[in-house]
């Protein structure tokens, strides 16, 4: 399945518009640095949250991110088979931080 990819450097304006971002990394990766507006759903739990993600996307795009873009590409492909307009964030959090964007650390609020 063809999955649209968005460069991490182009994600910030989408976040400002309110487009949802789901981070599919493990919790210990998440606490080490994350996009503040993203929600954490580890890759292995995605299938349990399809309805929730569909509602959050509201028929629009949903961005999926991980550390480097590999897991998020797989998850985005799965979500697209479920009818969600999921898009992979190319390069993941590595590219996000390389582009100079801020991250939050520590436990979630």
N, C-alpha and C. Protein backbone atom coordinates (compact mmCIF):
# COMPACT_ATOMS: atom_id res chain seq x y z
N UNK A 1 0.84 -1.19 0.00
CA UNK A 1 0.00 0.00 0.00
C UNK A 1 0.88 1.24 0.00
N UNK A 2 0.50 2.19 -0.82
CA UNK A 2 1.22 3.45 -0.91
C UNK A 2 0.83 4.34 0.27
N UNK A 3 1.80 4.76 1.04
CA UNK A 3 1.55 5.61 2.21
C UNK A 3 2.17 6.98 1.96
N UNK A 4 1.36 8.04 2.01
CA UNK A 4 1.93 9.39 1.86
C UNK A 4 2.90 9.68 2.99
N UNK A 5 3.99 10.35 2.64
CA UNK A 5 4.97 10.73 3.65
C UNK A 5 5.13 12.25 3.67
N UNK A 6 5.29 12.77 4.87
CA UNK A 6 5.49 14.20 5.07
C UNK A 6 6.84 14.38 5.76
N UNK A 7 7.71 15.22 5.22
CA UNK A 7 8.98 15.48 5.91
C UNK A 7 8.71 16.08 7.30
N UNK A 8 9.50 15.67 8.26
CA UNK A 8 9.33 16.16 9.63
C UNK A 8 9.36 17.68 9.68
N UNK A 9 10.17 18.30 8.84
CA UNK A 9 10.28 19.76 8.83
C UNK A 9 8.97 20.43 8.43
N UNK A 10 8.09 19.71 7.72
CA UNK A 10 6.81 20.28 7.28
C UNK A 10 5.66 19.94 8.22
N UNK A 11 5.93 19.23 9.30
CA UNK A 11 4.88 18.82 10.22
C UNK A 11 4.40 19.95 11.13
N UNK A 12 5.30 20.85 11.54
CA UNK A 12 4.94 21.91 12.49
C UNK A 12 3.72 22.73 12.06
N UNK A 13 3.62 23.18 10.80
CA UNK A 13 2.43 23.94 10.41
C UNK A 13 1.15 23.12 10.48
N UNK A 14 1.27 21.82 10.23
CA UNK A 14 0.10 20.95 10.33
C UNK A 14 -0.36 20.84 11.79
N UNK A 15 0.60 20.73 12.69
CA UNK A 15 0.27 20.67 14.12
C UNK A 15 -0.40 21.97 14.55
N UNK A 16 0.11 23.10 14.08
CA UNK A 16 -0.49 24.40 14.41
C UNK A 16 -1.94 24.48 13.94
N UNK A 17 -2.24 23.81 12.84
CA UNK A 17 -3.62 23.79 12.32
C UNK A 17 -4.51 22.83 13.11
N UNK A 18 -3.90 22.05 14.00
CA UNK A 18 -4.67 21.12 14.83
C UNK A 18 -4.77 19.71 14.30
N UNK A 19 -3.98 19.38 13.27
CA UNK A 19 -4.00 18.03 12.72
C UNK A 19 -3.40 17.08 13.77
N UNK A 20 -4.07 15.95 14.06
CA UNK A 20 -3.58 15.05 15.10
C UNK A 20 -2.32 14.28 14.71
N UNK A 21 -1.50 14.03 15.74
CA UNK A 21 -0.26 13.27 15.58
C UNK A 21 -0.28 12.14 16.60
N UNK A 22 -0.01 10.93 16.14
CA UNK A 22 0.10 9.79 17.06
C UNK A 22 1.53 9.28 17.00
N UNK A 23 2.12 9.09 18.17
CA UNK A 23 3.49 8.59 18.32
C UNK A 23 3.39 7.11 18.67
N UNK A 24 4.02 6.25 17.87
CA UNK A 24 3.87 4.81 18.05
C UNK A 24 5.08 4.16 18.72
N UNK A 25 5.94 4.98 19.35
CA UNK A 25 7.11 4.43 20.04
C UNK A 25 6.71 3.82 21.38
N UNK A 26 7.68 3.19 22.01
CA UNK A 26 7.47 2.63 23.35
C UNK A 26 7.46 3.76 24.38
N UNK A 27 6.80 3.55 25.52
CA UNK A 27 6.73 4.61 26.54
C UNK A 27 8.08 5.15 26.98
N UNK A 28 9.10 4.31 27.07
CA UNK A 28 10.41 4.80 27.50
C UNK A 28 11.04 5.70 26.44
N UNK A 29 10.74 5.48 25.18
CA UNK A 29 11.20 6.38 24.12
C UNK A 29 10.46 7.71 24.20
N UNK A 30 9.18 7.64 24.45
CA UNK A 30 8.29 8.80 24.55
C UNK A 30 8.76 9.76 25.63
N UNK A 31 9.10 9.24 26.81
CA UNK A 31 9.51 10.11 27.91
C UNK A 31 10.85 10.78 27.63
N UNK A 32 11.65 10.20 26.73
CA UNK A 32 12.95 10.77 26.39
C UNK A 32 12.87 11.99 25.48
N UNK A 33 11.74 12.19 24.83
CA UNK A 33 11.56 13.35 23.96
C UNK A 33 10.41 13.12 23.00
N UNK A 34 9.44 14.02 23.02
CA UNK A 34 8.23 13.86 22.21
C UNK A 34 7.71 15.20 21.75
N UNK A 35 6.86 15.16 20.75
CA UNK A 35 6.13 16.34 20.30
C UNK A 35 5.00 16.56 21.30
N UNK A 36 4.94 17.75 21.85
CA UNK A 36 3.97 18.03 22.91
C UNK A 36 2.53 17.74 22.55
N UNK A 37 2.14 17.96 21.30
CA UNK A 37 0.76 17.77 20.89
C UNK A 37 0.44 16.33 20.50
N UNK A 38 1.45 15.47 20.42
CA UNK A 38 1.23 14.09 20.00
C UNK A 38 0.64 13.26 21.12
N UNK A 39 -0.08 12.21 20.73
CA UNK A 39 -0.56 11.25 21.73
C UNK A 39 0.18 9.94 21.51
N UNK A 40 0.46 9.28 22.61
CA UNK A 40 1.22 8.03 22.57
C UNK A 40 0.28 6.85 22.47
N UNK A 41 0.47 6.05 21.44
CA UNK A 41 -0.16 4.73 21.33
C UNK A 41 0.92 3.82 20.74
N UNK A 42 1.56 3.01 21.59
CA UNK A 42 2.62 2.14 21.08
C UNK A 42 2.13 1.27 19.92
N UNK A 43 3.04 0.97 19.01
CA UNK A 43 2.72 0.24 17.80
C UNK A 43 1.87 -1.01 18.07
N UNK A 44 2.22 -1.78 19.07
CA UNK A 44 1.51 -3.02 19.37
C UNK A 44 0.09 -2.83 19.87
N UNK A 45 -0.28 -1.59 20.19
CA UNK A 45 -1.62 -1.31 20.71
C UNK A 45 -2.51 -0.58 19.71
N UNK A 46 -1.99 -0.29 18.53
CA UNK A 46 -2.73 0.51 17.55
C UNK A 46 -4.07 -0.11 17.19
N UNK A 47 -4.10 -1.41 16.97
CA UNK A 47 -5.36 -2.04 16.54
C UNK A 47 -6.47 -1.88 17.56
N UNK A 48 -6.12 -1.68 18.83
CA UNK A 48 -7.13 -1.46 19.88
C UNK A 48 -7.68 -0.04 19.87
N UNK A 49 -7.08 0.86 19.10
CA UNK A 49 -7.44 2.27 19.13
C UNK A 49 -7.90 2.83 17.78
N UNK A 50 -8.21 1.95 16.85
CA UNK A 50 -8.59 2.41 15.50
C UNK A 50 -9.78 3.36 15.55
N UNK A 51 -10.81 3.01 16.30
CA UNK A 51 -11.99 3.87 16.40
C UNK A 51 -11.66 5.24 16.97
N UNK A 52 -10.84 5.27 17.99
CA UNK A 52 -10.42 6.52 18.61
C UNK A 52 -9.62 7.38 17.62
N UNK A 53 -8.72 6.75 16.88
CA UNK A 53 -7.91 7.48 15.91
C UNK A 53 -8.76 7.99 14.75
N UNK A 54 -9.72 7.20 14.33
CA UNK A 54 -10.63 7.62 13.26
C UNK A 54 -11.41 8.86 13.70
N UNK A 55 -11.88 8.85 14.95
CA UNK A 55 -12.61 10.00 15.49
C UNK A 55 -11.71 11.23 15.60
N UNK A 56 -10.48 11.03 16.06
CA UNK A 56 -9.55 12.17 16.18
C UNK A 56 -9.22 12.78 14.83
N UNK A 57 -9.08 11.93 13.81
CA UNK A 57 -8.77 12.42 12.48
C UNK A 57 -9.96 13.15 11.87
N UNK A 58 -11.16 12.73 12.23
CA UNK A 58 -12.37 13.41 11.75
C UNK A 58 -12.47 13.48 10.23
N UNK A 59 -11.97 12.47 9.54
CA UNK A 59 -12.02 12.46 8.09
C UNK A 59 -10.84 13.16 7.44
N UNK A 60 -10.03 13.83 8.24
CA UNK A 60 -8.84 14.50 7.71
C UNK A 60 -7.60 13.66 7.94
N UNK A 61 -6.44 14.24 7.71
CA UNK A 61 -5.20 13.48 7.88
C UNK A 61 -4.85 13.24 9.35
N UNK A 62 -4.13 12.19 9.56
CA UNK A 62 -3.58 11.83 10.87
C UNK A 62 -2.11 11.50 10.62
N UNK A 63 -1.22 12.18 11.34
CA UNK A 63 0.21 11.95 11.16
C UNK A 63 0.70 10.93 12.17
N UNK A 64 1.54 10.01 11.69
CA UNK A 64 2.07 8.94 12.53
C UNK A 64 3.59 9.10 12.56
N UNK A 65 4.15 9.08 13.78
CA UNK A 65 5.59 9.30 13.96
C UNK A 65 6.16 8.24 14.89
N UNK A 66 7.43 7.93 14.68
CA UNK A 66 8.19 7.05 15.57
C UNK A 66 9.61 7.62 15.67
N UNK A 67 10.57 6.82 15.97
CA UNK A 67 11.95 7.31 16.10
C UNK A 67 12.54 7.71 14.75
N UNK A 68 12.43 6.79 13.76
CA UNK A 68 13.10 7.04 12.49
C UNK A 68 12.18 6.99 11.26
N UNK A 69 10.94 6.61 11.46
CA UNK A 69 10.00 6.55 10.35
C UNK A 69 9.67 5.16 9.86
N UNK A 70 10.30 4.13 10.43
CA UNK A 70 10.05 2.76 9.98
C UNK A 70 8.77 2.21 10.58
N UNK A 71 8.64 2.25 11.91
CA UNK A 71 7.43 1.74 12.55
C UNK A 71 6.22 2.56 12.15
N UNK A 72 6.40 3.87 12.09
CA UNK A 72 5.27 4.73 11.73
C UNK A 72 4.79 4.46 10.30
N UNK A 73 5.68 4.10 9.41
CA UNK A 73 5.28 3.75 8.04
C UNK A 73 4.39 2.51 8.05
N UNK A 74 4.76 1.52 8.85
CA UNK A 74 3.95 0.30 8.95
C UNK A 74 2.59 0.60 9.55
N UNK A 75 2.57 1.40 10.62
CA UNK A 75 1.31 1.73 11.27
C UNK A 75 0.42 2.57 10.35
N UNK A 76 1.01 3.54 9.67
CA UNK A 76 0.23 4.37 8.74
C UNK A 76 -0.39 3.49 7.65
N UNK A 77 0.36 2.52 7.16
CA UNK A 77 -0.17 1.61 6.16
C UNK A 77 -1.35 0.82 6.69
N UNK A 78 -1.23 0.32 7.91
CA UNK A 78 -2.34 -0.41 8.54
C UNK A 78 -3.56 0.50 8.69
N UNK A 79 -3.34 1.72 9.22
CA UNK A 79 -4.46 2.63 9.44
C UNK A 79 -5.16 2.99 8.13
N UNK A 80 -4.40 3.10 7.06
CA UNK A 80 -5.00 3.39 5.76
C UNK A 80 -5.92 2.25 5.32
N UNK A 81 -5.57 1.00 5.65
CA UNK A 81 -6.46 -0.12 5.32
C UNK A 81 -7.74 -0.07 6.13
N UNK A 82 -7.72 0.69 7.22
CA UNK A 82 -8.90 0.86 8.07
C UNK A 82 -9.71 2.09 7.69
N UNK A 83 -9.31 2.75 6.61
CA UNK A 83 -10.05 3.92 6.11
C UNK A 83 -9.62 5.25 6.69
N UNK A 84 -8.50 5.29 7.40
CA UNK A 84 -8.00 6.52 8.00
C UNK A 84 -6.94 7.12 7.08
N UNK A 85 -7.00 8.43 6.88
CA UNK A 85 -6.03 9.13 6.03
C UNK A 85 -4.73 9.33 6.81
N UNK A 86 -4.05 8.22 7.09
CA UNK A 86 -2.81 8.25 7.88
C UNK A 86 -1.64 8.58 6.97
N UNK A 87 -0.72 9.39 7.51
CA UNK A 87 0.47 9.81 6.77
C UNK A 87 1.69 9.61 7.65
N UNK A 88 2.73 9.07 7.07
CA UNK A 88 3.96 8.82 7.80
C UNK A 88 4.79 10.10 7.88
N UNK A 89 5.39 10.32 9.04
CA UNK A 89 6.34 11.43 9.19
C UNK A 89 7.72 10.87 8.85
N UNK A 90 8.21 11.22 7.68
CA UNK A 90 9.49 10.70 7.19
C UNK A 90 10.63 11.12 8.11
N UNK A 91 11.43 10.15 8.50
CA UNK A 91 12.58 10.45 9.36
C UNK A 91 12.25 10.49 10.83
N UNK A 92 10.97 10.49 11.18
CA UNK A 92 10.53 10.41 12.56
C UNK A 92 11.07 11.50 13.48
N UNK A 93 11.20 11.14 14.75
CA UNK A 93 11.68 12.09 15.76
C UNK A 93 13.13 12.50 15.51
N UNK A 94 13.91 11.65 14.89
CA UNK A 94 15.29 12.02 14.57
C UNK A 94 15.28 13.23 13.62
N UNK A 95 14.43 13.19 12.61
CA UNK A 95 14.34 14.30 11.66
C UNK A 95 13.68 15.52 12.30
N UNK A 96 12.71 15.29 13.18
CA UNK A 96 12.02 16.40 13.88
C UNK A 96 13.03 17.21 14.68
N UNK A 97 13.86 16.53 15.47
CA UNK A 97 14.84 17.25 16.29
C UNK A 97 15.96 17.83 15.42
N UNK A 98 16.34 17.13 14.35
CA UNK A 98 17.37 17.65 13.45
C UNK A 98 16.90 18.94 12.77
N UNK A 99 15.59 19.08 12.59
CA UNK A 99 15.03 20.29 11.98
C UNK A 99 14.93 21.43 12.99
N UNK A 100 15.33 21.16 14.25
CA UNK A 100 15.36 22.21 15.27
C UNK A 100 14.07 22.41 16.03
N UNK A 101 13.13 21.48 15.91
CA UNK A 101 11.87 21.62 16.63
C UNK A 101 12.02 21.17 18.08
N UNK A 102 11.24 21.80 18.94
CA UNK A 102 11.29 21.48 20.36
C UNK A 102 10.65 20.16 20.67
N UNK A 103 11.10 19.55 21.76
CA UNK A 103 10.50 18.33 22.28
C UNK A 103 10.24 18.51 23.77
N UNK A 104 9.25 17.78 24.26
CA UNK A 104 8.99 17.71 25.69
C UNK A 104 9.61 16.43 26.20
N UNK A 105 10.04 16.43 27.46
CA UNK A 105 10.61 15.23 28.05
C UNK A 105 9.92 14.95 29.38
N UNK A 106 10.22 13.76 29.92
CA UNK A 106 9.65 13.38 31.20
C UNK A 106 8.26 12.80 31.06
N UNK A 107 7.65 12.46 32.19
CA UNK A 107 6.31 11.88 32.16
C UNK A 107 5.29 12.86 31.60
N UNK A 108 4.22 12.31 31.07
CA UNK A 108 3.17 13.19 30.53
C UNK A 108 2.45 13.91 31.65
N UNK A 109 1.76 14.96 31.25
CA UNK A 109 1.06 15.77 32.23
C UNK A 109 -0.11 15.06 32.85
